[in-house]
Amino acid sequence: MLTPAQYTVLRQAETEQPYSSPLTSEKRRGMYTCGGCGQRVFSSSEKYDSKTGWPSFRGPLPRAVREKQDRSQGLDRTKAECTRCGCHLGHVFGDGPPPNRLRYCINGAGLNFIPA
């Protein structure tokens, strides 16, 4: 069962309020999994503080996240979805750190964290 916040993010593709998730400030080593199906999607080694209010990553684990065009809300963006269950995780932006300059801006409500 999903919590109301998880359902809103994962199934309705909404965005949580910035700084609302404790995972934004999570600093421990570990794995982030999809809140919908449990698939591992991001490693803590790729997480960084983007100062945007959402957990941000340089990139996902191989074959864990698919990117799709998102023209909702009158914007042209790239959304990030879990490859296993299709849940909405967040968006990908081109303002991240080197080397790839990508920022996977992910809703904390759509993730679970497993410490190493």
Protein backbone atom coordinates (compact mmCIF):
# COMPACT_ATOMS: atom_id res chain seq x y z
CA MET A 1 0.00 0.00 0.00
CA LEU A 2 1.22 3.45 -0.87
CA THR A 3 0.90 6.40 1.46
CA PRO A 4 -1.16 9.34 0.12
CA ALA A 5 2.09 11.24 -0.63
CA GLN A 6 3.56 8.25 -2.47
CA TYR A 7 0.39 7.74 -4.49
CA THR A 8 0.27 11.40 -5.49
CA VAL A 9 3.89 11.35 -6.70
CA LEU A 10 4.26 7.84 -8.10
CA ARG A 11 0.85 7.27 -9.69
CA GLN A 12 -0.41 10.80 -10.40
CA ALA A 13 2.99 12.26 -11.42
CA GLU A 14 2.72 15.19 -9.03
CA THR A 15 5.69 16.96 -7.44
CA GLU A 16 6.13 17.12 -3.68
CA GLN A 17 6.86 20.40 -1.94
CA PRO A 18 10.58 21.29 -1.78
CA TYR A 19 12.34 20.30 1.45
CA SER A 20 9.37 18.14 2.47
CA SER A 21 11.27 14.84 2.33
CA PRO A 22 13.85 13.74 4.90
CA LEU A 23 15.68 12.02 2.02
CA THR A 24 16.75 15.44 0.74
CA SER A 25 19.26 15.68 3.57
CA GLU A 26 20.09 11.94 3.81
CA LYS A 27 23.90 11.57 3.84
CA ARG A 28 24.46 7.88 4.65
CA ARG A 29 25.80 5.38 2.14
CA GLY A 30 23.19 3.10 0.66
CA MET A 31 20.68 2.51 -2.10
CA TYR A 32 17.53 4.36 -3.08
CA THR A 33 14.70 2.19 -4.33
CA CYS A 34 11.47 2.90 -6.18
CA GLY A 35 8.68 3.45 -3.67
CA GLY A 36 6.27 1.61 -5.96
CA CYS A 37 8.06 -1.68 -6.59
CA GLY A 38 11.33 -1.70 -4.64
CA GLN A 39 13.67 -1.74 -7.65
CA ARG A 40 17.04 -0.15 -6.91
CA VAL A 41 17.17 3.09 -8.88
CA PHE A 42 19.93 5.33 -7.43
CA SER A 43 23.11 4.86 -5.41
CA SER A 44 24.06 7.26 -2.64
CA SER A 45 27.42 7.67 -4.40
CA GLU A 46 25.61 9.63 -7.14
CA LYS A 47 23.62 11.85 -4.74
CA TYR A 48 24.58 15.48 -4.21
CA ASP A 49 23.09 18.60 -2.65
CA SER A 50 21.62 20.65 -5.49
CA LYS A 51 20.13 23.16 -3.04
CA THR A 52 16.79 22.80 -4.82
CA GLY A 53 14.87 21.06 -2.04
CA TRP A 54 14.65 17.63 -3.66
CA PRO A 55 16.99 14.63 -3.58
CA SER A 56 19.29 15.05 -6.58
CA PHE A 57 21.49 12.53 -8.34
CA ARG A 58 24.09 12.67 -11.14
CA GLY A 59 22.59 9.54 -12.69
CA PRO A 60 20.59 6.37 -12.03
CA LEU A 61 21.72 2.78 -11.79
CA PRO A 62 22.01 1.02 -15.18
CA ARG A 63 18.63 0.20 -16.75
CA ALA A 64 16.73 1.38 -13.66
CA VAL A 65 15.24 4.62 -14.95
CA ARG A 66 13.72 5.48 -18.31
CA GLU A 67 13.43 9.03 -19.56
CA LYS A 68 10.37 10.32 -21.39
CA GLN A 69 9.32 13.67 -22.76
CA ASP A 70 6.89 15.48 -20.45
CA ARG A 71 4.89 18.40 -21.83
CA SER A 72 2.49 18.65 -18.91
CA GLN A 73 1.88 21.94 -17.14
CA GLY A 74 2.88 23.85 -20.28
CA LEU A 75 6.55 22.93 -19.86
CA ASP A 76 8.89 20.87 -22.03
CA ARG A 77 10.74 18.60 -19.60
CA THR A 78 12.18 15.10 -19.34
CA LYS A 79 10.54 12.87 -16.76
CA ALA A 80 12.21 9.96 -14.99
CA GLU A 81 10.26 6.73 -14.51
CA CYS A 82 11.06 3.38 -12.92
CA THR A 83 11.75 0.82 -15.67
CA ARG A 84 10.10 -1.98 -13.70
CA CYS A 85 6.75 -0.48 -12.70
CA GLY A 86 6.56 2.79 -14.66
CA CYS A 87 6.13 4.96 -11.58
CA HIS A 88 6.92 8.66 -11.89
CA LEU A 89 10.07 9.47 -9.90
CA GLY A 90 10.86 13.03 -10.93
CA HIS A 91 12.54 14.97 -13.74
CA VAL A 92 15.94 15.30 -15.40
CA PHE A 93 17.49 18.73 -15.95
CA GLY A 94 20.65 19.85 -17.72
CA ASP A 95 21.98 21.99 -14.87
CA GLY A 96 23.82 19.34 -12.87
CA PRO A 97 27.49 18.88 -11.99
CA PRO A 98 30.24 17.59 -14.29
CA PRO A 99 30.91 15.37 -16.07
CA ASN A 100 27.44 14.87 -17.62
CA ARG A 101 25.79 18.07 -16.32
CA LEU A 102 22.57 16.18 -15.55
CA ARG A 103 20.47 16.59 -12.42
CA TYR A 104 18.01 13.83 -11.66
CA CYS A 105 15.62 15.79 -9.46
CA ILE A 106 13.67 13.07 -7.67
CA ASN A 107 10.69 13.24 -5.33
CA GLY A 108 11.66 11.83 -1.93
CA ALA A 109 8.11 10.50 -1.52
CA GLY A 110 8.77 8.25 -4.51
CA LEU A 111 11.86 6.66 -2.96
CA ASN A 112 12.82 4.39 -0.11
CA PHE A 113 16.35 4.37 1.33
CA ILE A 114 18.28 1.25 2.33
CA PRO A 115 21.41 2.07 4.34
CA ALA A 116 24.62 0.18 3.44
